[in-house]
Amino acid sequence: MIKRVLTVGVYDFIHIGHVNLFCRAKGLGDHLIVAVQESDYVSKFKPSANLVYSTEERMYMAKAIRFVDEVVSYTTVDTIVKEVAFDILVAGPDQTHQGFQEAFEWCRKNGKQIVILPRTEGISSSWLKDQIEKM
């Protein structure tokens, strides 16, 4: 039986931390699904986000990474978990807002495993944006 892994995020500045996440998430199963949050919803929840890439461009970049088998777009994490067939939800330690709490609760009630993976130390999209601004 194929084990399907789902992870979600914005993925505007794809960096080594994202590649590490996709590699580790893929290692938990056979098929990795990366859900990229739609630009309109990123702006709704993070008005100061100032995305560089469109939803489609971010999906294209995520799909280009060899560990990723499938890319979908999503609005909110608590809805995507109900729309995609998966066995394991992978999240980061900082993904704790209400939407994630609801998604985790849905996973528990529906027999889905939740795996929290640590971030790659020393790298984040916010840090990259800061570095670019300083250049």
C-alpha atoms as a PDB file:
ATOM      1  CA  MET A   1       0.000   0.000   0.000  1.00  0.00           C
ATOM      2  CA  ILE A   2       1.352   3.433  -0.977  1.00  0.00           C
ATOM      3  CA  LYS A   3       1.881   5.819   1.934  1.00  0.00           C
ATOM      4  CA  ARG A   4       0.975   9.401   0.943  1.00  0.00           C
ATOM      5  CA  VAL A   5       2.558  12.370   2.729  1.00  0.00           C
ATOM      6  CA  LEU A   6       1.131  15.906   2.678  1.00  0.00           C
ATOM      7  CA  THR A   7       2.878  19.128   3.631  1.00  0.00           C
ATOM      8  CA  VAL A   8       1.643  22.685   3.202  1.00  0.00           C
ATOM      9  CA  GLY A   9       3.162  26.136   2.934  1.00  0.00           C
ATOM     10  CA  VAL A  10       3.582  29.356   1.003  1.00  0.00           C
ATOM     11  CA  TYR A  11       6.977  28.537  -0.594  1.00  0.00           C
ATOM     12  CA  ASP A  12       7.563  32.005  -2.057  1.00  0.00           C
ATOM     13  CA  PHE A  13      11.347  31.972  -1.620  1.00  0.00           C
ATOM     14  CA  ILE A  14      12.252  28.324  -2.164  1.00  0.00           C
ATOM     15  CA  HIS A  15      15.464  27.667  -0.241  1.00  0.00           C
ATOM     16  CA  ILE A  16      17.536  24.866   1.285  1.00  0.00           C
ATOM     17  CA  GLY A  17      15.150  24.617   4.239  1.00  0.00           C
ATOM     18  CA  HIS A  18      12.270  23.800   1.887  1.00  0.00           C
ATOM     19  CA  VAL A  19      14.365  21.246  -0.006  1.00  0.00           C
ATOM     20  CA  ASN A  20      15.321  19.634   3.319  1.00  0.00           C
ATOM     21  CA  LEU A  21      11.660  19.581   4.352  1.00  0.00           C
ATOM     22  CA  PHE A  22      10.614  17.917   1.097  1.00  0.00           C
ATOM     23  CA  CYS A  23      13.435  15.363   1.372  1.00  0.00           C
ATOM     24  CA  ARG A  24      12.576  14.458   4.981  1.00  0.00           C
ATOM     25  CA  ALA A  25       8.829  14.398   4.274  1.00  0.00           C
ATOM     26  CA  LYS A  26       9.336  12.130   1.246  1.00  0.00           C
ATOM     27  CA  GLY A  27      11.381   9.817   3.473  1.00  0.00           C
ATOM     28  CA  LEU A  28       8.272   9.211   5.583  1.00  0.00           C
ATOM     29  CA  GLY A  29       6.324   7.661   2.719  1.00  0.00           C
ATOM     30  CA  ASP A  30       6.119   6.841  -0.968  1.00  0.00           C
ATOM     31  CA  HIS A  31       4.306   9.825  -2.483  1.00  0.00           C
ATOM     32  CA  LEU A  32       4.849  13.452  -1.433  1.00  0.00           C
ATOM     33  CA  ILE A  33       2.098  16.002  -2.001  1.00  0.00           C
ATOM     34  CA  VAL A  34       3.091  19.632  -1.518  1.00  0.00           C
ATOM     35  CA  ALA A  35       0.192  22.045  -1.056  1.00  0.00           C
ATOM     36  CA  VAL A  36       1.010  25.659  -1.970  1.00  0.00           C
ATOM     37  CA  GLN A  37      -1.214  28.298  -0.414  1.00  0.00           C
ATOM     38  CA  GLU A  38      -3.090  30.464  -2.909  1.00  0.00           C
ATOM     39  CA  SER A  39      -1.846  34.045  -3.088  1.00  0.00           C
ATOM     40  CA  ASP A  40      -5.205  35.582  -2.147  1.00  0.00           C
ATOM     41  CA  TYR A  41      -5.252  33.601   1.085  1.00  0.00           C
ATOM     42  CA  VAL A  42      -1.633  34.404   1.940  1.00  0.00           C
ATOM     43  CA  SER A  43      -2.515  38.097   1.628  1.00  0.00           C
ATOM     44  CA  LYS A  44      -5.619  37.579   3.754  1.00  0.00           C
ATOM     45  CA  PHE A  45      -3.720  35.959   6.647  1.00  0.00           C
ATOM     46  CA  LYS A  46      -0.390  37.799   6.227  1.00  0.00           C
ATOM     47  CA  PRO A  47      -1.170  41.220   4.721  1.00  0.00           C
ATOM     48  CA  SER A  48       2.500  42.246   4.913  1.00  0.00           C
ATOM     49  CA  ALA A  49       3.746  39.132   3.074  1.00  0.00           C
ATOM     50  CA  ASN A  50       4.506  40.891  -0.259  1.00  0.00           C
ATOM     51  CA  LEU A  51       4.728  37.732  -2.344  1.00  0.00           C
ATOM     52  CA  VAL A  52       7.250  37.697  -5.177  1.00  0.00           C
ATOM     53  CA  TYR A  53       5.731  34.811  -7.130  1.00  0.00           C
ATOM     54  CA  SER A  54       2.187  33.895  -8.158  1.00  0.00           C
ATOM     55  CA  THR A  55       0.503  30.743  -6.931  1.00  0.00           C
ATOM     56  CA  GLU A  56       1.211  29.045 -10.257  1.00  0.00           C
ATOM     57  CA  GLU A  57       4.891  30.015 -10.221  1.00  0.00           C
ATOM     58  CA  ARG A  58       5.319  28.757  -6.657  1.00  0.00           C
ATOM     59  CA  MET A  59       3.622  25.490  -7.604  1.00  0.00           C
ATOM     60  CA  TYR A  60       5.902  25.148 -10.633  1.00  0.00           C
ATOM     61  CA  MET A  61       9.033  25.648  -8.519  1.00  0.00           C
ATOM     62  CA  ALA A  62       7.895  23.166  -5.865  1.00  0.00           C
ATOM     63  CA  LYS A  63       7.105  20.555  -8.513  1.00  0.00           C
ATOM     64  CA  ALA A  64      10.607  20.964  -9.987  1.00  0.00           C
ATOM     65  CA  ILE A  65      12.164  19.581  -6.800  1.00  0.00           C
ATOM     66  CA  ARG A  66      12.852  15.881  -7.277  1.00  0.00           C
ATOM     67  CA  PHE A  67      11.388  14.775  -3.928  1.00  0.00           C
ATOM     68  CA  VAL A  68       7.960  16.196  -4.809  1.00  0.00           C
ATOM     69  CA  ASP A  69       5.517  13.894  -6.581  1.00  0.00           C
ATOM     70  CA  GLU A  70       2.444  16.120  -6.702  1.00  0.00           C
ATOM     71  CA  VAL A  71       1.623  19.775  -6.115  1.00  0.00           C
ATOM     72  CA  VAL A  72      -1.800  21.198  -5.340  1.00  0.00           C
ATOM     73  CA  SER A  73      -2.987  24.630  -4.288  1.00  0.00           C
ATOM     74  CA  TYR A  74      -4.992  25.280  -1.145  1.00  0.00           C
ATOM     75  CA  THR A  75      -6.826  28.016   0.669  1.00  0.00           C
ATOM     76  CA  THR A  76      -6.571  26.961   4.321  1.00  0.00           C
ATOM     77  CA  VAL A  77      -4.873  24.010   5.991  1.00  0.00           C
ATOM     78  CA  ASP A  78      -8.055  22.922   7.772  1.00  0.00           C
ATOM     79  CA  THR A  79      -9.781  22.519   4.387  1.00  0.00           C
ATOM     80  CA  ILE A  80      -6.954  20.919   2.366  1.00  0.00           C
ATOM     81  CA  VAL A  81      -6.688  18.015   4.811  1.00  0.00           C
ATOM     82  CA  LYS A  82     -10.294  17.153   3.938  1.00  0.00           C
ATOM     83  CA  GLU A  83      -9.753  17.467   0.177  1.00  0.00           C
ATOM     84  CA  VAL A  84      -6.571  15.454  -0.449  1.00  0.00           C
ATOM     85  CA  ALA A  85      -6.032  11.748   0.128  1.00  0.00           C
ATOM     86  CA  PHE A  86      -3.022  11.325   2.440  1.00  0.00           C
ATOM     87  CA  ASP A  87      -1.774   9.237   5.357  1.00  0.00           C
ATOM     88  CA  ILE A  88       0.722  11.572   7.046  1.00  0.00           C
ATOM     89  CA  LEU A  89       0.539  15.339   7.536  1.00  0.00           C
ATOM     90  CA  VAL A  90       3.959  16.964   7.945  1.00  0.00           C
ATOM     91  CA  ALA A  91       4.131  20.370   9.612  1.00  0.00           C
ATOM     92  CA  GLY A  92       6.768  22.605  11.134  1.00  0.00           C
ATOM     93  CA  PRO A  93       7.092  23.457  14.822  1.00  0.00           C
ATOM     94  CA  ASP A  94       5.916  27.020  14.167  1.00  0.00           C
ATOM     95  CA  GLN A  95       2.739  25.977  12.364  1.00  0.00           C
ATOM     96  CA  THR A  96       0.473  26.260  15.386  1.00  0.00           C
ATOM     97  CA  HIS A  97      -2.255  28.775  14.497  1.00  0.00           C
ATOM     98  CA  GLN A  98      -5.956  27.943  14.751  1.00  0.00           C
ATOM     99  CA  GLY A  99      -6.159  26.515  11.221  1.00  0.00           C
ATOM    100  CA  PHE A 100      -3.413  24.020  12.026  1.00  0.00           C
ATOM    101  CA  GLN A 101      -5.046  23.136  15.338  1.00  0.00           C
ATOM    102  CA  GLU A 102      -8.272  22.332  13.465  1.00  0.00           C
ATOM    103  CA  ALA A 103      -6.352  20.362  10.810  1.00  0.00           C
ATOM    104  CA  PHE A 104      -4.516  18.371  13.497  1.00  0.00           C
ATOM    105  CA  GLU A 105      -7.800  17.608  15.260  1.00  0.00           C
ATOM    106  CA  TRP A 106      -9.341  16.422  11.964  1.00  0.00           C
ATOM    107  CA  CYS A 107      -6.288  14.219  11.346  1.00  0.00           C
ATOM    108  CA  ARG A 108      -6.560  12.642  14.810  1.00  0.00           C
ATOM    109  CA  LYS A 109     -10.273  11.912  14.318  1.00  0.00           C
ATOM    110  CA  ASN A 110      -9.665  10.432  10.874  1.00  0.00           C
ATOM    111  CA  GLY A 111      -6.670   8.205  11.569  1.00  0.00           C
ATOM    112  CA  LYS A 112      -4.046  10.395   9.909  1.00  0.00           C
ATOM    113  CA  GLN A 113      -0.551  10.569  11.354  1.00  0.00           C
ATOM    114  CA  ILE A 114       0.915  13.998  12.209  1.00  0.00           C
ATOM    115  CA  VAL A 115       4.676  14.498  12.044  1.00  0.00           C
ATOM    116  CA  ILE A 116       6.306  17.729  13.188  1.00  0.00           C
ATOM    117  CA  LEU A 117       9.697  18.209  11.549  1.00  0.00           C
ATOM    118  CA  PRO A 118      12.238  20.735  12.823  1.00  0.00           C
ATOM    119  CA  ARG A 119      13.184  23.702  10.665  1.00  0.00           C
ATOM    120  CA  THR A 120      16.576  23.856   8.992  1.00  0.00           C
ATOM    121  CA  GLU A 121      18.642  26.009  11.306  1.00  0.00           C
ATOM    122  CA  GLY A 122      19.813  29.400  10.074  1.00  0.00           C
ATOM    123  CA  ILE A 123      17.482  29.770   7.089  1.00  0.00           C
ATOM    124  CA  SER A 124      13.970  31.076   6.514  1.00  0.00           C
ATOM    125  CA  SER A 125      12.167  33.070   3.849  1.00  0.00           C
ATOM    126  CA  SER A 126      11.970  36.054   6.228  1.00  0.00           C
ATOM    127  CA  TRP A 127      15.718  35.889   6.814  1.00  0.00           C
ATOM    128  CA  LEU A 128      16.364  35.738   3.050  1.00  0.00           C
ATOM    129  CA  LYS A 129      14.161  38.782   2.444  1.00  0.00           C
ATOM    130  CA  ASP A 130      16.056  40.678   5.159  1.00  0.00           C
ATOM    131  CA  GLN A 131      19.380  39.765   3.559  1.00  0.00           C
ATOM    132  CA  ILE A 132      18.219  40.938   0.137  1.00  0.00           C
ATOM    133  CA  GLU A 133      17.028  44.250   1.581  1.00  0.00           C
ATOM    134  CA  LYS A 134      20.462  44.789   3.124  1.00  0.00           C
ATOM    135  CA  MET A 135      22.245  44.266  -0.211  1.00  0.00           C
END
